[in-house]
Amino acid sequence: MFAAYVTVNVIASVLTAAAAVTYFIGHDFPKAQMRMKRLPLSWMPMLGTFLAAGSLGLLAGFAVPALGIAAAIGLVLYFVGALIAHLRVGSRDLVGWAVFFVTATSTLVLHLAHHA
């Protein structure tokens, strides 16, 4: 159980950190996603900050479990919002979203199970 908790937590942290970097550097993929969802590009730094905070919070959760749980909850809510943004414009291209959502949700479940 502990190995799964650590492994999934680190994977989720790395994935969200990588996504945050793409938002911060203005990579074409998140720009295209923002345009497709009809969201302003000016939101990119804020969304990147949310992802970076979630990533760091997951790692901080090893030392302070409440931070890890809060970060995992925040990431799950972030990706629920992303799903709503996809569905609002009729997008059914949800594979990338599903990877992030399942990882964030798994992290939350493992955090709660490990610290219960």
N, C-alpha and C. Protein backbone atom coordinates (compact mmCIF):
# COMPACT_ATOMS: atom_id res chain seq x y z
N MET A 1 0.82 -1.19 0.00
CA MET A 1 0.00 0.00 0.00
C MET A 1 0.87 1.25 0.00
N PHE A 2 1.91 1.26 0.84
CA PHE A 2 2.77 2.43 0.91
C PHE A 2 3.46 2.68 -0.43
N ALA A 3 3.90 1.62 -1.09
CA ALA A 3 4.58 1.77 -2.39
C ALA A 3 3.63 2.37 -3.43
N ALA A 4 2.39 1.94 -3.44
CA ALA A 4 1.41 2.50 -4.38
C ALA A 4 1.16 3.97 -4.07
N TYR A 5 1.04 4.30 -2.79
CA TYR A 5 0.83 5.68 -2.36
C TYR A 5 1.96 6.58 -2.85
N VAL A 6 3.19 6.16 -2.63
CA VAL A 6 4.35 6.97 -3.04
C VAL A 6 4.43 7.05 -4.56
N THR A 7 4.28 5.92 -5.24
CA THR A 7 4.42 5.89 -6.70
C THR A 7 3.38 6.76 -7.39
N VAL A 8 2.13 6.58 -7.04
CA VAL A 8 1.06 7.35 -7.69
C VAL A 8 1.18 8.82 -7.35
N ASN A 9 1.57 9.12 -6.13
CA ASN A 9 1.73 10.51 -5.71
C ASN A 9 2.84 11.20 -6.53
N VAL A 10 3.94 10.52 -6.69
CA VAL A 10 5.06 11.10 -7.46
C VAL A 10 4.68 11.24 -8.94
N ILE A 11 4.02 10.23 -9.49
CA ILE A 11 3.58 10.32 -10.89
C ILE A 11 2.63 11.50 -11.08
N ALA A 12 1.66 11.64 -10.19
CA ALA A 12 0.71 12.76 -10.30
C ALA A 12 1.43 14.09 -10.17
N SER A 13 2.40 14.17 -9.29
CA SER A 13 3.15 15.41 -9.11
C SER A 13 3.94 15.75 -10.36
N VAL A 14 4.58 14.77 -10.95
CA VAL A 14 5.37 15.00 -12.17
C VAL A 14 4.47 15.40 -13.33
N LEU A 15 3.35 14.71 -13.49
CA LEU A 15 2.42 15.04 -14.58
C LEU A 15 1.89 16.47 -14.46
N THR A 16 1.46 16.83 -13.26
CA THR A 16 0.90 18.18 -13.10
C THR A 16 1.99 19.24 -13.20
N ALA A 17 3.20 18.93 -12.76
CA ALA A 17 4.30 19.89 -12.91
C ALA A 17 4.62 20.10 -14.38
N ALA A 18 4.64 19.02 -15.15
CA ALA A 18 4.90 19.14 -16.58
C ALA A 18 3.81 19.96 -17.27
N ALA A 19 2.57 19.74 -16.88
CA ALA A 19 1.47 20.52 -17.46
C ALA A 19 1.61 21.99 -17.08
N ALA A 20 1.99 22.25 -15.83
CA ALA A 20 2.18 23.64 -15.39
C ALA A 20 3.24 24.33 -16.22
N VAL A 21 4.33 23.63 -16.49
CA VAL A 21 5.41 24.21 -17.29
C VAL A 21 4.91 24.57 -18.69
N THR A 22 4.10 23.70 -19.28
CA THR A 22 3.60 24.01 -20.63
C THR A 22 2.73 25.26 -20.62
N TYR A 23 2.00 25.48 -19.55
CA TYR A 23 1.21 26.71 -19.43
C TYR A 23 2.11 27.92 -19.24
N PHE A 24 3.12 27.78 -18.42
CA PHE A 24 4.02 28.92 -18.13
C PHE A 24 4.84 29.35 -19.34
N ILE A 25 5.27 28.38 -20.16
CA ILE A 25 6.12 28.75 -21.30
C ILE A 25 5.30 29.11 -22.53
N GLY A 26 3.98 28.95 -22.45
CA GLY A 26 3.13 29.31 -23.58
C GLY A 26 3.20 28.33 -24.72
N HIS A 27 3.34 27.06 -24.41
CA HIS A 27 3.41 26.01 -25.43
C HIS A 27 2.14 26.02 -26.27
N ASP A 28 2.26 25.57 -27.50
CA ASP A 28 1.13 25.59 -28.43
C ASP A 28 -0.03 24.69 -27.99
N PHE A 29 0.25 23.55 -27.34
CA PHE A 29 -0.83 22.64 -26.98
C PHE A 29 -1.82 23.27 -26.00
N PRO A 30 -1.37 23.84 -24.87
CA PRO A 30 -2.38 24.45 -24.00
C PRO A 30 -3.06 25.65 -24.65
N LYS A 31 -2.34 26.37 -25.51
CA LYS A 31 -2.98 27.49 -26.21
C LYS A 31 -4.12 26.98 -27.09
N ALA A 32 -3.87 25.89 -27.81
CA ALA A 32 -4.91 25.32 -28.67
C ALA A 32 -6.09 24.82 -27.83
N GLN A 33 -5.78 24.23 -26.67
CA GLN A 33 -6.85 23.76 -25.78
C GLN A 33 -7.69 24.94 -25.26
N MET A 34 -7.02 26.02 -24.90
CA MET A 34 -7.73 27.20 -24.41
C MET A 34 -8.64 27.77 -25.50
N ARG A 35 -8.12 27.85 -26.71
CA ARG A 35 -8.93 28.37 -27.82
C ARG A 35 -10.12 27.47 -28.10
N MET A 36 -9.87 26.15 -28.10
CA MET A 36 -10.94 25.19 -28.36
C MET A 36 -12.05 25.31 -27.31
N LYS A 37 -11.66 25.55 -26.08
CA LYS A 37 -12.64 25.67 -24.99
C LYS A 37 -13.19 27.08 -24.85
N ARG A 38 -12.72 27.96 -25.73
CA ARG A 38 -13.14 29.37 -25.73
C ARG A 38 -12.87 30.05 -24.39
N LEU A 39 -11.67 29.81 -23.89
CA LEU A 39 -11.21 30.46 -22.66
C LEU A 39 -10.14 31.48 -23.02
N PRO A 40 -10.05 32.57 -22.29
CA PRO A 40 -9.04 33.58 -22.62
C PRO A 40 -7.62 33.08 -22.36
N LEU A 41 -6.71 33.38 -23.26
CA LEU A 41 -5.31 32.98 -23.09
C LEU A 41 -4.69 33.64 -21.87
N SER A 42 -5.25 34.74 -21.43
CA SER A 42 -4.73 35.42 -20.24
C SER A 42 -4.89 34.57 -18.98
N TRP A 43 -5.68 33.51 -19.03
CA TRP A 43 -5.85 32.62 -17.89
C TRP A 43 -4.73 31.60 -17.77
N MET A 44 -3.90 31.47 -18.81
CA MET A 44 -2.87 30.43 -18.80
C MET A 44 -1.93 30.51 -17.59
N PRO A 45 -1.40 31.68 -17.22
CA PRO A 45 -0.52 31.71 -16.04
C PRO A 45 -1.25 31.28 -14.76
N MET A 46 -2.51 31.67 -14.62
CA MET A 46 -3.27 31.30 -13.42
C MET A 46 -3.49 29.78 -13.38
N LEU A 47 -3.86 29.20 -14.51
CA LEU A 47 -4.08 27.75 -14.54
C LEU A 47 -2.77 27.00 -14.30
N GLY A 48 -1.67 27.52 -14.86
CA GLY A 48 -0.36 26.93 -14.59
C GLY A 48 0.01 27.01 -13.12
N THR A 49 -0.35 28.11 -12.49
CA THR A 49 -0.07 28.28 -11.05
C THR A 49 -0.86 27.27 -10.23
N PHE A 50 -2.13 27.05 -10.60
CA PHE A 50 -2.94 26.04 -9.89
C PHE A 50 -2.31 24.66 -10.01
N LEU A 51 -1.86 24.32 -11.21
CA LEU A 51 -1.23 23.02 -11.42
C LEU A 51 0.09 22.90 -10.65
N ALA A 52 0.89 23.96 -10.68
CA ALA A 52 2.17 23.94 -9.96
C ALA A 52 1.94 23.83 -8.45
N ALA A 53 0.96 24.56 -7.95
CA ALA A 53 0.64 24.47 -6.52
C ALA A 53 0.18 23.07 -6.14
N GLY A 54 -0.63 22.46 -7.01
CA GLY A 54 -1.07 21.09 -6.75
C GLY A 54 0.09 20.12 -6.74
N SER A 55 1.00 20.29 -7.68
CA SER A 55 2.18 19.43 -7.77
C SER A 55 3.04 19.54 -6.51
N LEU A 56 3.33 20.76 -6.12
CA LEU A 56 4.14 20.97 -4.91
C LEU A 56 3.40 20.49 -3.66
N GLY A 57 2.10 20.71 -3.62
CA GLY A 57 1.31 20.26 -2.48
C GLY A 57 1.32 18.75 -2.32
N LEU A 58 1.29 18.04 -3.44
CA LEU A 58 1.35 16.58 -3.35
C LEU A 58 2.67 16.13 -2.73
N LEU A 59 3.75 16.76 -3.15
CA LEU A 59 5.06 16.40 -2.58
C LEU A 59 5.15 16.81 -1.11
N ALA A 60 4.62 17.98 -0.79
CA ALA A 60 4.63 18.43 0.61
C ALA A 60 3.79 17.50 1.48
N GLY A 61 2.85 16.80 0.86
CA GLY A 61 2.01 15.87 1.59
C GLY A 61 2.75 14.71 2.22
N PHE A 62 3.96 14.44 1.75
CA PHE A 62 4.76 13.40 2.40
C PHE A 62 5.15 13.84 3.81
N ALA A 63 5.38 15.13 3.99
CA ALA A 63 5.77 15.65 5.30
C ALA A 63 4.56 16.09 6.12
N VAL A 64 3.59 16.71 5.44
CA VAL A 64 2.38 17.21 6.11
C VAL A 64 1.18 16.62 5.37
N PRO A 65 0.65 15.52 5.86
CA PRO A 65 -0.41 14.82 5.13
C PRO A 65 -1.61 15.70 4.75
N ALA A 66 -1.98 16.63 5.60
CA ALA A 66 -3.13 17.49 5.29
C ALA A 66 -2.88 18.31 4.01
N LEU A 67 -1.63 18.71 3.78
CA LEU A 67 -1.32 19.45 2.55
C LEU A 67 -1.48 18.56 1.32
N GLY A 68 -1.05 17.34 1.42
CA GLY A 68 -1.19 16.41 0.30
C GLY A 68 -2.65 16.13 -0.02
N ILE A 69 -3.45 15.96 1.02
CA ILE A 69 -4.87 15.71 0.82
C ILE A 69 -5.53 16.94 0.20
N ALA A 70 -5.20 18.12 0.71
CA ALA A 70 -5.76 19.36 0.16
C ALA A 70 -5.35 19.55 -1.30
N ALA A 71 -4.10 19.26 -1.61
CA ALA A 71 -3.61 19.39 -2.98
C ALA A 71 -4.33 18.41 -3.90
N ALA A 72 -4.51 17.19 -3.45
CA ALA A 72 -5.20 16.18 -4.26
C ALA A 72 -6.66 16.59 -4.50
N ILE A 73 -7.31 17.11 -3.47
CA ILE A 73 -8.69 17.59 -3.64
C ILE A 73 -8.72 18.74 -4.64
N GLY A 74 -7.77 19.66 -4.51
CA GLY A 74 -7.71 20.79 -5.43
C GLY A 74 -7.50 20.34 -6.87
N LEU A 75 -6.65 19.35 -7.08
CA LEU A 75 -6.41 18.86 -8.44
C LEU A 75 -7.64 18.14 -8.99
N VAL A 76 -8.31 17.37 -8.17
CA VAL A 76 -9.54 16.71 -8.63
C VAL A 76 -10.56 17.76 -9.06
N LEU A 77 -10.72 18.82 -8.25
CA LEU A 77 -11.66 19.89 -8.60
C LEU A 77 -11.21 20.63 -9.86
N TYR A 78 -9.91 20.84 -10.01
CA TYR A 78 -9.38 21.48 -11.22
C TYR A 78 -9.78 20.68 -12.45
N PHE A 79 -9.61 19.36 -12.39
CA PHE A 79 -9.91 18.54 -13.55
C PHE A 79 -11.40 18.33 -13.75
N VAL A 80 -12.21 18.44 -12.72
CA VAL A 80 -13.66 18.47 -12.90
C VAL A 80 -14.02 19.73 -13.70
N GLY A 81 -13.39 20.86 -13.34
CA GLY A 81 -13.61 22.09 -14.10
C GLY A 81 -13.17 21.95 -15.54
N ALA A 82 -12.07 21.24 -15.77
CA ALA A 82 -11.60 21.02 -17.14
C ALA A 82 -12.61 20.18 -17.93
N LEU A 83 -13.20 19.18 -17.27
CA LEU A 83 -14.23 18.37 -17.93
C LEU A 83 -15.42 19.24 -18.31
N ILE A 84 -15.85 20.09 -17.40
CA ILE A 84 -16.97 20.99 -17.69
C ILE A 84 -16.64 21.88 -18.88
N ALA A 85 -15.41 22.40 -18.92
CA ALA A 85 -14.99 23.25 -20.05
C ALA A 85 -15.03 22.47 -21.36
N HIS A 86 -14.61 21.20 -21.33
CA HIS A 86 -14.67 20.36 -22.53
C HIS A 86 -16.11 20.15 -22.99
N LEU A 87 -16.95 19.75 -22.05
CA LEU A 87 -18.33 19.43 -22.40
C LEU A 87 -19.11 20.66 -22.83
N ARG A 88 -18.78 21.81 -22.27
CA ARG A 88 -19.46 23.06 -22.60
C ARG A 88 -19.36 23.38 -24.09
N VAL A 89 -18.23 23.03 -24.70
CA VAL A 89 -18.03 23.32 -26.12
C VAL A 89 -18.26 22.08 -26.99
N GLY A 90 -18.72 21.00 -26.39
CA GLY A 90 -19.02 19.80 -27.16
C GLY A 90 -17.81 18.93 -27.48
N SER A 91 -16.69 19.17 -26.81
CA SER A 91 -15.49 18.37 -27.06
C SER A 91 -15.64 17.00 -26.42
N ARG A 92 -15.32 15.99 -27.19
CA ARG A 92 -15.34 14.62 -26.67
C ARG A 92 -13.93 14.03 -26.66
N ASP A 93 -12.93 14.85 -26.88
CA ASP A 93 -11.53 14.43 -26.85
C ASP A 93 -11.06 14.48 -25.40
N LEU A 94 -11.34 13.42 -24.67
CA LEU A 94 -11.13 13.43 -23.22
C LEU A 94 -10.05 12.47 -22.73
N VAL A 95 -9.25 11.94 -23.63
CA VAL A 95 -8.23 10.96 -23.22
C VAL A 95 -7.20 11.62 -22.30
N GLY A 96 -6.66 12.77 -22.71
CA GLY A 96 -5.69 13.47 -21.87
C GLY A 96 -6.29 13.86 -20.54
N TRP A 97 -7.50 14.38 -20.59
CA TRP A 97 -8.19 14.75 -19.35
C TRP A 97 -8.32 13.53 -18.44
N ALA A 98 -8.71 12.40 -19.00
CA ALA A 98 -8.94 11.20 -18.19
C ALA A 98 -7.65 10.75 -17.49
N VAL A 99 -6.52 10.85 -18.18
CA VAL A 99 -5.25 10.46 -17.56
C VAL A 99 -4.98 11.31 -16.32
N PHE A 100 -5.13 12.62 -16.47
CA PHE A 100 -4.89 13.52 -15.34
C PHE A 100 -5.92 13.32 -14.23
N PHE A 101 -7.18 13.18 -14.60
CA PHE A 101 -8.24 13.03 -13.60
C PHE A 101 -8.08 11.74 -12.82
N VAL A 102 -7.85 10.64 -13.51
CA VAL A 102 -7.69 9.35 -12.83
C VAL A 102 -6.47 9.37 -11.92
N THR A 103 -5.40 10.00 -12.38
CA THR A 103 -4.19 10.08 -11.56
C THR A 103 -4.45 10.92 -10.31
N ALA A 104 -5.10 12.07 -10.47
CA ALA A 104 -5.40 12.93 -9.32
C ALA A 104 -6.36 12.24 -8.35
N THR A 105 -7.37 11.58 -8.89
CA THR A 105 -8.34 10.88 -8.04
C THR A 105 -7.68 9.72 -7.31
N SER A 106 -6.83 8.98 -8.01
CA SER A 106 -6.11 7.87 -7.37
C SER A 106 -5.22 8.38 -6.25
N THR A 107 -4.58 9.50 -6.49
CA THR A 107 -3.73 10.10 -5.47
C THR A 107 -4.54 10.45 -4.24
N LEU A 108 -5.71 11.05 -4.45
CA LEU A 108 -6.57 11.41 -3.33
C LEU A 108 -7.00 10.17 -2.55
N VAL A 109 -7.44 9.15 -3.25
CA VAL A 109 -7.88 7.92 -2.60
C VAL A 109 -6.74 7.29 -1.80
N LEU A 110 -5.55 7.24 -2.40
CA LEU A 110 -4.41 6.63 -1.71
C LEU A 110 -3.95 7.47 -0.52
N HIS A 111 -4.02 8.79 -0.65
CA HIS A 111 -3.70 9.65 0.50
C HIS A 111 -4.65 9.36 1.65
N LEU A 112 -5.93 9.33 1.35
CA LEU A 112 -6.93 9.09 2.40
C LEU A 112 -6.77 7.70 3.01
N ALA A 113 -6.51 6.70 2.17
CA ALA A 113 -6.35 5.33 2.69
C ALA A 113 -5.10 5.20 3.53
N HIS A 114 -4.01 5.83 3.07
CA HIS A 114 -2.74 5.72 3.78
C HIS A 114 -2.78 6.43 5.14
N HIS A 115 -3.49 7.55 5.20
CA HIS A 115 -3.49 8.34 6.42
C HIS A 115 -4.75 8.15 7.26
N ALA A 116 -5.54 7.14 6.94
CA ALA A 116 -6.77 6.88 7.70
C ALA A 116 -6.48 6.19 9.01
